[in-house]
Amino acid sequence: MTGAVPCQLPALDAALFDSERIDAETRKLNTAIVDLINAAPDQWSLPPQEVRDLRAQGRGAFPAPILSPRARTVEIPGPRGAIPLRIVEPRDSARGAFLHIHGGGWTFGTADGQDARLERFADNLGLVAISVEYRLAPEHPYPAGPDDCEAAALWLAREGAALFGAERLFIGGESAGAHLSLVTLLRLRDRHGLSPFSGAVLTAGCFDLGLTPSVRHWGEEKLVLNTRDIEKFVESYLGGPELGGHDPRHPDISPLYADLSGLPPAHLIVGTRDPLVDDTLFLHTRWVAAGNRAELAVWTGGAHVFVVFPGTLADRALARSEAFLATFL
């Protein structure tokens, strides 16, 4: 066929999704996660702040955060007031900066809960790691969170070289943080004509708030998330059961539907035991189809955001994402 271009998408190996190939360590971790969540109160029966407080104490599926003595917090101006940024700098001169956006369903999570991974970026790559304390739903529904992330990205693009000696900039996050990272890339391109980031690391993002098939068909099993949880998080983010009158497929809400042309190279991470697996698989196809470079890392047996849980699988996934970033340094 005249003008046909060979497809550059790699074949996806069905063996990655074979449950018999989940290693014993990962299988044990997944069972422990389910048991911890089933033993805890239903998070949707508690006020959001109470759930945040419990998470900060490590009471639930996620480990308690270990705060870095090297971290400091600064505040920058934003459209709704000051935005705190959590910063960990490398011990030697910076080779770049990584803007990190934490997960938590746009409702939970904190910038200081990421210190261990911020230190990894600083020590292994020489990157100044900066995590955004964006406003959370339901107290601050859409567009408050992405507005804060957009402001933080603009600040880093403007001030990064002068403040940190950081010429190379990267962006990324987990779950809702991956979603907000992509929204931020699109906003900088479309609203400001800027493409300051050299690469993105997007882990287990929710990129279609209308819900992909893997979310809809997951069911009740509480392996970090289940179908009901994701529906509730979307409601929280968009402003209630009626979604605040927003169209969940608007590109600023569900970036899977955006024009993805002109975006930087991306490393996309997801586990096969993640209800949001389709979001990453679909995004990878659209990223490459838009003419961009993307690496897809699918990890057998990995739960939602498995990289935050100690273990061999997380170590391998983090090392691979660091290797991706290192190619630009």
C-alpha atoms as a PDB file:
ATOM      1  CA  MET A   1       0.000   0.000   0.000  1.00  0.00           C
ATOM      2  CA  THR A   2       1.524   3.295  -1.102  1.00  0.00           C
ATOM      3  CA  GLY A   3       2.679   5.508   1.741  1.00  0.00           C
ATOM      4  CA  ALA A   4       2.224   2.837   4.427  1.00  0.00           C
ATOM      5  CA  VAL A   5       4.530   3.143   7.423  1.00  0.00           C
ATOM      6  CA  PRO A   6       5.468   0.029   9.437  1.00  0.00           C
ATOM      7  CA  CYS A   7       3.948   0.058  12.940  1.00  0.00           C
ATOM      8  CA  GLN A   8       6.539   0.868  15.596  1.00  0.00           C
ATOM      9  CA  LEU A   9       4.485  -0.543  18.478  1.00  0.00           C
ATOM     10  CA  PRO A  10       6.148  -3.594  20.032  1.00  0.00           C
ATOM     11  CA  ALA A  11       4.107  -6.756  20.291  1.00  0.00           C
ATOM     12  CA  LEU A  12       2.646  -7.227  23.769  1.00  0.00           C
ATOM     13  CA  ASP A  13       3.521 -10.675  25.113  1.00  0.00           C
ATOM     14  CA  ALA A  14       0.461 -12.481  26.475  1.00  0.00           C
ATOM     15  CA  ALA A  15       2.769 -14.334  28.875  1.00  0.00           C
ATOM     16  CA  LEU A  16       3.109 -11.120  30.884  1.00  0.00           C
ATOM     17  CA  PHE A  17      -0.522 -11.531  31.922  1.00  0.00           C
ATOM     18  CA  ASP A  18      -0.272 -15.228  32.842  1.00  0.00           C
ATOM     19  CA  SER A  19      -1.179 -15.455  36.537  1.00  0.00           C
ATOM     20  CA  GLU A  20       0.912 -18.619  36.830  1.00  0.00           C
ATOM     21  CA  ARG A  21       4.009 -16.515  36.175  1.00  0.00           C
ATOM     22  CA  ILE A  22       3.523 -14.234  39.177  1.00  0.00           C
ATOM     23  CA  ASP A  23       6.522 -14.834  41.431  1.00  0.00           C
ATOM     24  CA  ALA A  24       6.078 -15.976  45.022  1.00  0.00           C
ATOM     25  CA  GLU A  25       7.210 -12.677  46.548  1.00  0.00           C
ATOM     26  CA  THR A  26       4.732 -10.640  44.517  1.00  0.00           C
ATOM     27  CA  ARG A  27       1.926 -13.101  45.182  1.00  0.00           C
ATOM     28  CA  LYS A  28       2.598 -12.901  48.933  1.00  0.00           C
ATOM     29  CA  LEU A  29       2.652  -9.096  48.841  1.00  0.00           C
ATOM     30  CA  ASN A  30      -0.651  -8.926  46.952  1.00  0.00           C
ATOM     31  CA  THR A  31      -2.315 -11.221  49.495  1.00  0.00           C
ATOM     32  CA  ALA A  32      -1.006  -9.088  52.352  1.00  0.00           C
ATOM     33  CA  ILE A  33      -2.358  -5.911  50.710  1.00  0.00           C
ATOM     34  CA  VAL A  34      -5.832  -7.419  50.316  1.00  0.00           C
ATOM     35  CA  ASP A  35      -5.828  -8.663  53.918  1.00  0.00           C
ATOM     36  CA  LEU A  36      -4.766  -5.261  55.293  1.00  0.00           C
ATOM     37  CA  ILE A  37      -7.444  -3.403  53.356  1.00  0.00           C
ATOM     38  CA  ASN A  38     -10.185  -5.885  54.235  1.00  0.00           C
ATOM     39  CA  ALA A  39      -9.309  -5.526  57.929  1.00  0.00           C
ATOM     40  CA  ALA A  40      -9.522  -1.724  57.826  1.00  0.00           C
ATOM     41  CA  PRO A  41     -12.658   0.450  57.902  1.00  0.00           C
ATOM     42  CA  ASP A  42     -14.211   1.318  54.563  1.00  0.00           C
ATOM     43  CA  GLN A  43     -12.424   4.526  53.590  1.00  0.00           C
ATOM     44  CA  TRP A  44     -15.631   5.913  52.086  1.00  0.00           C
ATOM     45  CA  SER A  45     -17.343   5.704  55.488  1.00  0.00           C
ATOM     46  CA  LEU A  46     -14.837   8.178  56.980  1.00  0.00           C
ATOM     47  CA  PRO A  47     -14.230  11.888  56.407  1.00  0.00           C
ATOM     48  CA  PRO A  48     -11.400  12.442  53.894  1.00  0.00           C
ATOM     49  CA  GLN A  49      -9.139  14.117  56.455  1.00  0.00           C
ATOM     50  CA  GLU A  50      -9.457  11.148  58.802  1.00  0.00           C
ATOM     51  CA  VAL A  51      -8.348   8.811  56.013  1.00  0.00           C
ATOM     52  CA  ARG A  52      -5.401  11.120  55.277  1.00  0.00           C
ATOM     53  CA  ASP A  53      -4.399  11.035  58.949  1.00  0.00           C
ATOM     54  CA  LEU A  54      -4.586   7.228  59.032  1.00  0.00           C
ATOM     55  CA  ARG A  55      -2.459   6.976  55.897  1.00  0.00           C
ATOM     56  CA  ALA A  56       0.165   9.270  57.437  1.00  0.00           C
ATOM     57  CA  GLN A  57       0.386   6.796  60.327  1.00  0.00           C
ATOM     58  CA  GLY A  58       0.802   3.842  57.971  1.00  0.00           C
ATOM     59  CA  ARG A  59      -2.567   2.394  58.986  1.00  0.00           C
ATOM     60  CA  GLY A  60      -3.771   0.772  55.800  1.00  0.00           C
ATOM     61  CA  ALA A  61      -2.233  -0.857  52.768  1.00  0.00           C
ATOM     62  CA  PHE A  62       0.509   1.717  52.206  1.00  0.00           C
ATOM     63  CA  PRO A  63       3.683   1.899  54.303  1.00  0.00           C
ATOM     64  CA  ALA A  64       4.040   4.906  56.586  1.00  0.00           C
ATOM     65  CA  PRO A  65       6.155   7.621  54.957  1.00  0.00           C
ATOM     66  CA  ILE A  66       9.774   7.968  56.064  1.00  0.00           C
ATOM     67  CA  LEU A  67      10.686  11.637  56.042  1.00  0.00           C
ATOM     68  CA  SER A  68      14.042  12.637  54.638  1.00  0.00           C
ATOM     69  CA  PRO A  69      16.231  14.903  56.803  1.00  0.00           C
ATOM     70  CA  ARG A  70      17.498  16.383  53.538  1.00  0.00           C
ATOM     71  CA  ALA A  71      14.071  17.543  52.379  1.00  0.00           C
ATOM     72  CA  ARG A  72      12.886  21.122  52.650  1.00  0.00           C
ATOM     73  CA  THR A  73       9.635  22.817  51.745  1.00  0.00           C
ATOM     74  CA  VAL A  74       9.248  26.092  49.900  1.00  0.00           C
ATOM     75  CA  GLU A  75       6.106  27.898  48.855  1.00  0.00           C
ATOM     76  CA  ILE A  76       5.379  29.401  45.465  1.00  0.00           C
ATOM     77  CA  PRO A  77       2.406  31.519  44.400  1.00  0.00           C
ATOM     78  CA  GLY A  78      -0.507  29.819  42.703  1.00  0.00           C
ATOM     79  CA  PRO A  79      -3.914  30.776  41.337  1.00  0.00           C
ATOM     80  CA  ARG A  80      -5.611  29.860  44.635  1.00  0.00           C
ATOM     81  CA  GLY A  81      -2.838  30.833  47.036  1.00  0.00           C
ATOM     82  CA  ALA A  82       0.519  29.433  48.090  1.00  0.00           C
ATOM     83  CA  ILE A  83       1.584  25.990  46.831  1.00  0.00           C
ATOM     84  CA  PRO A  84       4.093  24.061  48.991  1.00  0.00           C
ATOM     85  CA  LEU A  85       6.838  22.185  47.143  1.00  0.00           C
ATOM     86  CA  ARG A  86       8.848  19.415  48.804  1.00  0.00           C
ATOM     87  CA  ILE A  87      12.469  19.514  47.566  1.00  0.00           C
ATOM     88  CA  VAL A  88      15.327  17.008  47.865  1.00  0.00           C
ATOM     89  CA  GLU A  89      18.576  18.049  46.201  1.00  0.00           C
ATOM     90  CA  PRO A  90      21.484  15.829  45.116  1.00  0.00           C
ATOM     91  CA  ARG A  91      24.610  15.810  47.254  1.00  0.00           C
ATOM     92  CA  ASP A  92      26.657  17.067  44.311  1.00  0.00           C
ATOM     93  CA  SER A  93      25.772  19.508  41.551  1.00  0.00           C
ATOM     94  CA  ALA A  94      22.418  18.963  39.875  1.00  0.00           C
ATOM     95  CA  ARG A  95      22.165  17.415  36.428  1.00  0.00           C
ATOM     96  CA  GLY A  96      18.492  18.305  36.102  1.00  0.00           C
ATOM     97  CA  ALA A  97      15.199  18.436  37.987  1.00  0.00           C
ATOM     98  CA  PHE A  98      12.249  16.070  38.321  1.00  0.00           C
ATOM     99  CA  LEU A  99       8.805  17.491  39.061  1.00  0.00           C
ATOM    100  CA  HIS A 100       6.949  14.797  40.986  1.00  0.00           C
ATOM    101  CA  ILE A 101       3.164  14.712  41.428  1.00  0.00           C
ATOM    102  CA  HIS A 102       1.914  12.310  44.089  1.00  0.00           C
ATOM    103  CA  GLY A 103      -1.009   9.911  43.823  1.00  0.00           C
ATOM    104  CA  GLY A 104      -4.005   9.269  46.054  1.00  0.00           C
ATOM    105  CA  GLY A 105      -7.050   9.531  43.814  1.00  0.00           C
ATOM    106  CA  TRP A 106      -6.846  13.349  43.778  1.00  0.00           C
ATOM    107  CA  THR A 107      -8.208  13.001  47.343  1.00  0.00           C
ATOM    108  CA  PHE A 108      -5.432  11.564  49.509  1.00  0.00           C
ATOM    109  CA  GLY A 109      -1.632  11.592  49.513  1.00  0.00           C
ATOM    110  CA  THR A 110       0.975  14.186  50.423  1.00  0.00           C
ATOM    111  CA  ALA A 111       4.190  15.537  48.957  1.00  0.00           C
ATOM    112  CA  ASP A 112       6.185  14.461  52.029  1.00  0.00           C
ATOM    113  CA  GLY A 113       5.016  10.870  51.563  1.00  0.00           C
ATOM    114  CA  GLN A 114       7.384  10.542  48.594  1.00  0.00           C
ATOM    115  CA  ASP A 115      10.728  11.297  50.239  1.00  0.00           C
ATOM    116  CA  ALA A 116      12.265   7.867  49.650  1.00  0.00           C
ATOM    117  CA  ARG A 117      11.657   8.104  45.912  1.00  0.00           C
ATOM    118  CA  LEU A 118      12.745  11.727  45.821  1.00  0.00           C
ATOM    119  CA  GLU A 119      16.048  10.674  47.385  1.00  0.00           C
ATOM    120  CA  ARG A 120      16.447   7.934  44.766  1.00  0.00           C
ATOM    121  CA  PHE A 121      16.103  10.472  41.959  1.00  0.00           C
ATOM    122  CA  ALA A 122      18.559  12.801  43.693  1.00  0.00           C
ATOM    123  CA  ASP A 123      21.184  10.174  44.538  1.00  0.00           C
ATOM    124  CA  ASN A 124      20.969   7.858  41.527  1.00  0.00           C
ATOM    125  CA  LEU A 125      20.452  10.476  38.823  1.00  0.00           C
ATOM    126  CA  GLY A 126      21.664  13.777  40.246  1.00  0.00           C
ATOM    127  CA  LEU A 127      18.212  15.312  39.864  1.00  0.00           C
ATOM    128  CA  VAL A 128      16.674  17.923  42.111  1.00  0.00           C
ATOM    129  CA  ALA A 129      13.409  16.196  43.064  1.00  0.00           C
ATOM    130  CA  ILE A 130      10.420  18.455  43.673  1.00  0.00           C
ATOM    131  CA  SER A 131       7.037  17.118  44.807  1.00  0.00           C
ATOM    132  CA  VAL A 132       3.910  19.280  44.515  1.00  0.00           C
ATOM    133  CA  GLU A 133       1.514  19.659  47.463  1.00  0.00           C
ATOM    134  CA  TYR A 134      -1.456  20.344  45.230  1.00  0.00           C
ATOM    135  CA  ARG A 135      -4.947  21.016  46.581  1.00  0.00           C
ATOM    136  CA  LEU A 136      -7.042  17.914  47.171  1.00  0.00           C
ATOM    137  CA  ALA A 137     -10.641  17.011  46.472  1.00  0.00           C
ATOM    138  CA  PRO A 138     -13.379  16.964  47.622  1.00  0.00           C
ATOM    139  CA  GLU A 139     -12.577  20.209  49.447  1.00  0.00           C
ATOM    140  CA  HIS A 140     -10.905  21.532  46.299  1.00  0.00           C
ATOM    141  CA  PRO A 141     -12.429  19.765  43.269  1.00  0.00           C
ATOM    142  CA  TYR A 142     -11.369  20.103  39.637  1.00  0.00           C
ATOM    143  CA  PRO A 143      -9.709  22.248  38.389  1.00  0.00           C
ATOM    144  CA  ALA A 144      -7.910  23.167  41.638  1.00  0.00           C
ATOM    145  CA  GLY A 145      -5.414  20.263  41.609  1.00  0.00           C
ATOM    146  CA  PRO A 146      -4.313  20.599  37.978  1.00  0.00           C
ATOM    147  CA  ASP A 147      -4.183  24.390  38.346  1.00  0.00           C
ATOM    148  CA  ASP A 148      -1.636  23.986  41.169  1.00  0.00           C
ATOM    149  CA  CYS A 149       0.415  21.474  39.163  1.00  0.00           C
ATOM    150  CA  GLU A 150       0.400  23.774  36.133  1.00  0.00           C
ATOM    151  CA  ALA A 151       1.649  26.651  38.304  1.00  0.00           C
ATOM    152  CA  ALA A 152       4.415  24.479  39.768  1.00  0.00           C
ATOM    153  CA  ALA A 153       5.553  23.375  36.303  1.00  0.00           C
ATOM    154  CA  LEU A 154       5.626  26.958  35.046  1.00  0.00           C
ATOM    155  CA  TRP A 155       7.651  27.992  38.110  1.00  0.00           C
ATOM    156  CA  LEU A 156      10.183  25.194  37.541  1.00  0.00           C
ATOM    157  CA  ALA A 157      10.487  25.996  33.835  1.00  0.00           C
ATOM    158  CA  ARG A 158      11.115  29.644  34.693  1.00  0.00           C
ATOM    159  CA  GLU A 159      13.313  29.282  37.796  1.00  0.00           C
ATOM    160  CA  GLY A 160      14.909  25.819  37.567  1.00  0.00           C
ATOM    161  CA  ALA A 161      18.153  26.839  35.875  1.00  0.00           C
ATOM    162  CA  ALA A 162      18.753  29.860  38.108  1.00  0.00           C
ATOM    163  CA  LEU A 163      17.817  28.192  41.408  1.00  0.00           C
ATOM    164  CA  PHE A 164      19.225  24.701  40.911  1.00  0.00           C
ATOM    165  CA  GLY A 165      21.447  24.796  37.823  1.00  0.00           C
ATOM    166  CA  ALA A 166      18.918  22.389  36.328  1.00  0.00           C
ATOM    167  CA  GLU A 167      18.796  22.640  32.545  1.00  0.00           C
ATOM    168  CA  ARG A 168      17.105  19.271  31.942  1.00  0.00           C
ATOM    169  CA  LEU A 169      13.585  18.946  33.336  1.00  0.00           C
ATOM    170  CA  PHE A 170      11.460  15.823  33.800  1.00  0.00           C
ATOM    171  CA  ILE A 171       7.978  15.161  35.143  1.00  0.00           C
ATOM    172  CA  GLY A 172       6.081  12.193  36.500  1.00  0.00           C
ATOM    173  CA  GLY A 173       3.942  10.613  39.167  1.00  0.00           C
ATOM    174  CA  GLU A 174       1.853   7.671  40.222  1.00  0.00           C
ATOM    175  CA  SER A 175      -1.869   7.012  39.738  1.00  0.00           C
ATOM    176  CA  ALA A 176      -3.640  10.388  40.008  1.00  0.00           C
ATOM    177  CA  GLY A 177      -0.154  11.912  39.906  1.00  0.00           C
ATOM    178  CA  ALA A 178       0.494  10.313  36.515  1.00  0.00           C
ATOM    179  CA  HIS A 179      -2.826  11.709  35.294  1.00  0.00           C
ATOM    180  CA  LEU A 180      -1.969  15.193  36.588  1.00  0.00           C
ATOM    181  CA  SER A 181       1.515  14.988  35.062  1.00  0.00           C
ATOM    182  CA  LEU A 182       0.041  14.366  31.614  1.00  0.00           C
ATOM    183  CA  VAL A 183      -2.583  17.090  32.079  1.00  0.00           C
ATOM    184  CA  THR A 184       0.258  19.448  33.035  1.00  0.00           C
ATOM    185  CA  LEU A 185       2.254  18.608  29.898  1.00  0.00           C
ATOM    186  CA  LEU A 186      -0.808  19.301  27.758  1.00  0.00           C
ATOM    187  CA  ARG A 187      -1.630  22.565  29.518  1.00  0.00           C
ATOM    188  CA  LEU A 188       1.903  23.888  29.117  1.00  0.00           C
ATOM    189  CA  ARG A 189       1.823  23.031  25.412  1.00  0.00           C
ATOM    190  CA  ASP A 190      -1.675  24.343  24.693  1.00  0.00           C
ATOM    191  CA  ARG A 191      -1.976  27.307  27.063  1.00  0.00           C
ATOM    192  CA  HIS A 192       1.596  28.569  27.117  1.00  0.00           C
ATOM    193  CA  GLY A 193       3.294  27.210  23.995  1.00  0.00           C
ATOM    194  CA  LEU A 194       5.898  25.511  26.190  1.00  0.00           C
ATOM    195  CA  SER A 195       7.506  22.075  26.078  1.00  0.00           C
ATOM    196  CA  PRO A 196      10.151  22.345  28.815  1.00  0.00           C
ATOM    197  CA  PHE A 197      10.257  18.692  29.879  1.00  0.00           C
ATOM    198  CA  SER A 198      12.704  16.240  28.306  1.00  0.00           C
ATOM    199  CA  GLY A 199      10.893  13.130  29.516  1.00  0.00           C
ATOM    200  CA  ALA A 200       8.021  11.787  31.596  1.00  0.00           C
ATOM    201  CA  VAL A 201       7.624   8.756  33.873  1.00  0.00           C
ATOM    202  CA  LEU A 202       3.947   7.864  34.258  1.00  0.00           C
ATOM    203  CA  THR A 203       3.095   5.047  36.662  1.00  0.00           C
ATOM    204  CA  ALA A 204      -0.332   3.399  36.739  1.00  0.00           C
ATOM    205  CA  GLY A 205      -2.246   6.498  35.739  1.00  0.00           C
ATOM    206  CA  CYS A 206      -5.997   6.965  35.419  1.00  0.00           C
ATOM    207  CA  PHE A 207      -6.163   8.595  32.004  1.00  0.00           C
ATOM    208  CA  ASP A 208      -9.850   8.011  31.190  1.00  0.00           C
ATOM    209  CA  LEU A 209     -12.177   9.185  33.955  1.00  0.00           C
ATOM    210  CA  GLY A 210     -15.070   7.706  32.008  1.00  0.00           C
ATOM    211  CA  LEU A 211     -13.462   4.376  33.053  1.00  0.00           C
ATOM    212  CA  THR A 212     -11.683   1.925  30.767  1.00  0.00           C
ATOM    213  CA  PRO A 213     -12.838  -1.709  30.411  1.00  0.00           C
ATOM    214  CA  SER A 214     -10.286  -3.039  32.909  1.00  0.00           C
ATOM    215  CA  VAL A 215     -11.722  -0.697  35.564  1.00  0.00           C
ATOM    216  CA  ARG A 216     -15.330  -1.533  34.767  1.00  0.00           C
ATOM    217  CA  HIS A 217     -14.710  -5.290  34.810  1.00  0.00           C
ATOM    218  CA  TRP A 218     -12.393  -5.462  37.834  1.00  0.00           C
ATOM    219  CA  GLY A 219     -15.109  -5.930  40.450  1.00  0.00           C
ATOM    220  CA  GLU A 220     -14.887  -5.930  44.248  1.00  0.00           C
ATOM    221  CA  GLU A 221     -11.424  -7.344  44.990  1.00  0.00           C
ATOM    222  CA  LYS A 222      -9.556  -4.739  47.068  1.00  0.00           C
ATOM    223  CA  LEU A 223      -6.035  -5.069  45.694  1.00  0.00           C
ATOM    224  CA  VAL A 224      -5.240  -1.438  46.538  1.00  0.00           C
ATOM    225  CA  LEU A 225      -8.184  -0.341  44.351  1.00  0.00           C
ATOM    226  CA  ASN A 226     -11.391  -1.818  43.065  1.00  0.00           C
ATOM    227  CA  THR A 227     -14.062  -0.557  40.661  1.00  0.00           C
ATOM    228  CA  ARG A 228     -16.059   1.221  43.369  1.00  0.00           C
ATOM    229  CA  ASP A 229     -12.966   3.020  44.653  1.00  0.00           C
ATOM    230  CA  ILE A 230     -12.136   4.441  41.245  1.00  0.00           C
ATOM    231  CA  GLU A 231     -15.726   5.564  40.707  1.00  0.00           C
ATOM    232  CA  LYS A 232     -15.667   7.284  44.116  1.00  0.00           C
ATOM    233  CA  PHE A 233     -12.339   8.975  43.403  1.00  0.00           C
ATOM    234  CA  VAL A 234     -13.667  10.340  40.115  1.00  0.00           C
ATOM    235  CA  GLU A 235     -16.750  11.668  41.909  1.00  0.00           C
ATOM    236  CA  SER A 236     -14.552  13.307  44.544  1.00  0.00           C
ATOM    237  CA  TYR A 237     -12.302  14.925  41.948  1.00  0.00           C
ATOM    238  CA  LEU A 238     -15.059  16.233  39.699  1.00  0.00           C
ATOM    239  CA  GLY A 239     -17.371  17.505  42.419  1.00  0.00           C
ATOM    240  CA  GLY A 240     -19.913  14.862  43.423  1.00  0.00           C
ATOM    241  CA  PRO A 241     -22.130  12.098  42.009  1.00  0.00           C
ATOM    242  CA  GLU A 242     -23.172  14.341  39.108  1.00  0.00           C
ATOM    243  CA  LEU A 243     -19.460  14.945  38.368  1.00  0.00           C
ATOM    244  CA  GLY A 244     -19.876  18.673  38.880  1.00  0.00           C
ATOM    245  CA  GLY A 245     -21.532  18.927  35.476  1.00  0.00           C
ATOM    246  CA  HIS A 246     -18.200  18.116  33.805  1.00  0.00           C
ATOM    247  CA  ASP A 247     -17.806  15.862  30.786  1.00  0.00           C
ATOM    248  CA  PRO A 248     -15.469  13.078  31.976  1.00  0.00           C
ATOM    249  CA  ARG A 249     -14.118  12.735  28.430  1.00  0.00           C
ATOM    250  CA  HIS A 250     -13.016  16.346  28.116  1.00  0.00           C
ATOM    251  CA  PRO A 251      -9.271  16.219  27.305  1.00  0.00           C
ATOM    252  CA  ASP A 252      -8.373  18.344  30.341  1.00  0.00           C
ATOM    253  CA  ILE A 253     -10.126  15.750  32.528  1.00  0.00           C
ATOM    254  CA  SER A 254      -9.345  12.563  30.602  1.00  0.00           C
ATOM    255  CA  PRO A 255      -6.079  13.181  28.728  1.00  0.00           C
ATOM    256  CA  LEU A 256      -6.408   9.877  26.870  1.00  0.00           C
ATOM    257  CA  TYR A 257      -8.717  11.846  24.542  1.00  0.00           C
ATOM    258  CA  ALA A 258      -6.336  14.763  24.010  1.00  0.00           C
ATOM    259  CA  ASP A 259      -4.170  15.517  21.001  1.00  0.00           C
ATOM    260  CA  LEU A 260      -0.916  13.936  22.200  1.00  0.00           C
ATOM    261  CA  SER A 261       1.347  15.239  19.445  1.00  0.00           C
ATOM    262  CA  GLY A 262       4.571  16.976  20.377  1.00  0.00           C
ATOM    263  CA  LEU A 263       4.910  15.404  23.823  1.00  0.00           C
ATOM    264  CA  PRO A 264       8.272  14.262  25.229  1.00  0.00           C
ATOM    265  CA  PRO A 265       9.484  10.664  25.442  1.00  0.00           C
ATOM    266  CA  ALA A 266       7.619   8.738  28.131  1.00  0.00           C
ATOM    267  CA  HIS A 267       8.234   5.682  30.263  1.00  0.00           C
ATOM    268  CA  LEU A 268       4.871   4.086  31.100  1.00  0.00           C
ATOM    269  CA  ILE A 269       4.677   1.652  34.023  1.00  0.00           C
ATOM    270  CA  VAL A 270       1.819  -0.644  35.048  1.00  0.00           C
ATOM    271  CA  GLY A 271       1.317  -3.988  36.754  1.00  0.00           C
ATOM    272  CA  THR A 272      -0.876  -6.716  35.328  1.00  0.00           C
ATOM    273  CA  ARG A 273      -2.889  -6.890  38.559  1.00  0.00           C
ATOM    274  CA  ASP A 274      -3.911  -3.248  38.389  1.00  0.00           C
ATOM    275  CA  PRO A 275      -7.531  -2.288  37.636  1.00  0.00           C
ATOM    276  CA  LEU A 276      -6.122   0.627  35.630  1.00  0.00           C
ATOM    277  CA  VAL A 277      -3.996  -1.526  33.331  1.00  0.00           C
ATOM    278  CA  ASP A 278      -6.017  -0.575  30.236  1.00  0.00           C
ATOM    279  CA  ASP A 279      -5.370   3.126  30.863  1.00  0.00           C
ATOM    280  CA  THR A 280      -1.631   2.631  30.411  1.00  0.00           C
ATOM    281  CA  LEU A 281      -1.962   0.186  27.514  1.00  0.00           C
ATOM    282  CA  PHE A 282      -4.297   2.537  25.649  1.00  0.00           C
ATOM    283  CA  LEU A 283      -2.157   5.595  26.396  1.00  0.00           C
ATOM    284  CA  HIS A 284       0.968   3.866  25.097  1.00  0.00           C
ATOM    285  CA  THR A 285      -0.716   3.175  21.764  1.00  0.00           C
ATOM    286  CA  ARG A 286      -1.972   6.747  21.423  1.00  0.00           C
ATOM    287  CA  TRP A 287       1.394   8.225  22.512  1.00  0.00           C
ATOM    288  CA  VAL A 288       3.255   6.344  19.793  1.00  0.00           C
ATOM    289  CA  ALA A 289       0.521   6.903  17.201  1.00  0.00           C
ATOM    290  CA  ALA A 290       0.914  10.650  17.815  1.00  0.00           C
ATOM    291  CA  GLY A 291       4.541  10.372  16.704  1.00  0.00           C
ATOM    292  CA  ASN A 292       6.156  10.351  20.143  1.00  0.00           C
ATOM    293  CA  ARG A 293       8.612   7.950  21.744  1.00  0.00           C
ATOM    294  CA  ALA A 294       7.246   5.755  24.537  1.00  0.00           C
ATOM    295  CA  GLU A 295       8.574   2.803  26.515  1.00  0.00           C
ATOM    296  CA  LEU A 296       5.968   0.441  27.937  1.00  0.00           C
ATOM    297  CA  ALA A 297       6.944  -1.490  31.070  1.00  0.00           C
ATOM    298  CA  VAL A 298       4.325  -4.083  32.046  1.00  0.00           C
ATOM    299  CA  TRP A 299       5.165  -5.946  35.257  1.00  0.00           C
ATOM    300  CA  THR A 300       3.643  -9.379  35.865  1.00  0.00           C
ATOM    301  CA  GLY A 301       1.585  -9.503  39.039  1.00  0.00           C
ATOM    302  CA  GLY A 302       2.153  -5.886  39.988  1.00  0.00           C
ATOM    303  CA  ALA A 303      -0.696  -4.316  41.962  1.00  0.00           C
ATOM    304  CA  HIS A 304      -1.773  -0.717  41.567  1.00  0.00           C
ATOM    305  CA  VAL A 305       1.293   1.518  42.154  1.00  0.00           C
ATOM    306  CA  PHE A 306       3.324  -1.519  43.239  1.00  0.00           C
ATOM    307  CA  VAL A 307       6.466   0.636  43.099  1.00  0.00           C
ATOM    308  CA  VAL A 308       5.635   2.095  46.534  1.00  0.00           C
ATOM    309  CA  PHE A 309       5.789  -1.336  48.207  1.00  0.00           C
ATOM    310  CA  PRO A 310       9.214  -2.754  49.141  1.00  0.00           C
ATOM    311  CA  GLY A 311      10.226  -5.732  47.064  1.00  0.00           C
ATOM    312  CA  THR A 312      12.139  -7.058  44.090  1.00  0.00           C
ATOM    313  CA  LEU A 313       9.461  -6.118  41.561  1.00  0.00           C
ATOM    314  CA  ALA A 314       9.440  -2.490  42.708  1.00  0.00           C
ATOM    315  CA  ASP A 315      13.244  -2.324  42.687  1.00  0.00           C
ATOM    316  CA  ARG A 316      13.386  -3.628  39.129  1.00  0.00           C
ATOM    317  CA  ALA A 317      10.693  -1.225  37.925  1.00  0.00           C
ATOM    318  CA  LEU A 318      12.305   1.792  39.581  1.00  0.00           C
ATOM    319  CA  ALA A 319      15.739   0.871  38.206  1.00  0.00           C
ATOM    320  CA  ARG A 320      14.289   0.617  34.694  1.00  0.00           C
ATOM    321  CA  SER A 321      12.587   4.019  34.971  1.00  0.00           C
ATOM    322  CA  GLU A 322      15.860   5.539  36.225  1.00  0.00           C
ATOM    323  CA  ALA A 323      17.700   4.015  33.271  1.00  0.00           C
ATOM    324  CA  PHE A 324      15.166   5.674  30.967  1.00  0.00           C
ATOM    325  CA  LEU A 325      15.771   9.079  32.553  1.00  0.00           C
ATOM    326  CA  ALA A 326      19.546   8.585  32.513  1.00  0.00           C
ATOM    327  CA  THR A 327      19.509   8.388  28.697  1.00  0.00           C
ATOM    328  CA  PHE A 328      18.633  12.106  28.637  1.00  0.00           C
ATOM    329  CA  LEU A 329      21.411  13.100  31.020  1.00  0.00           C
END
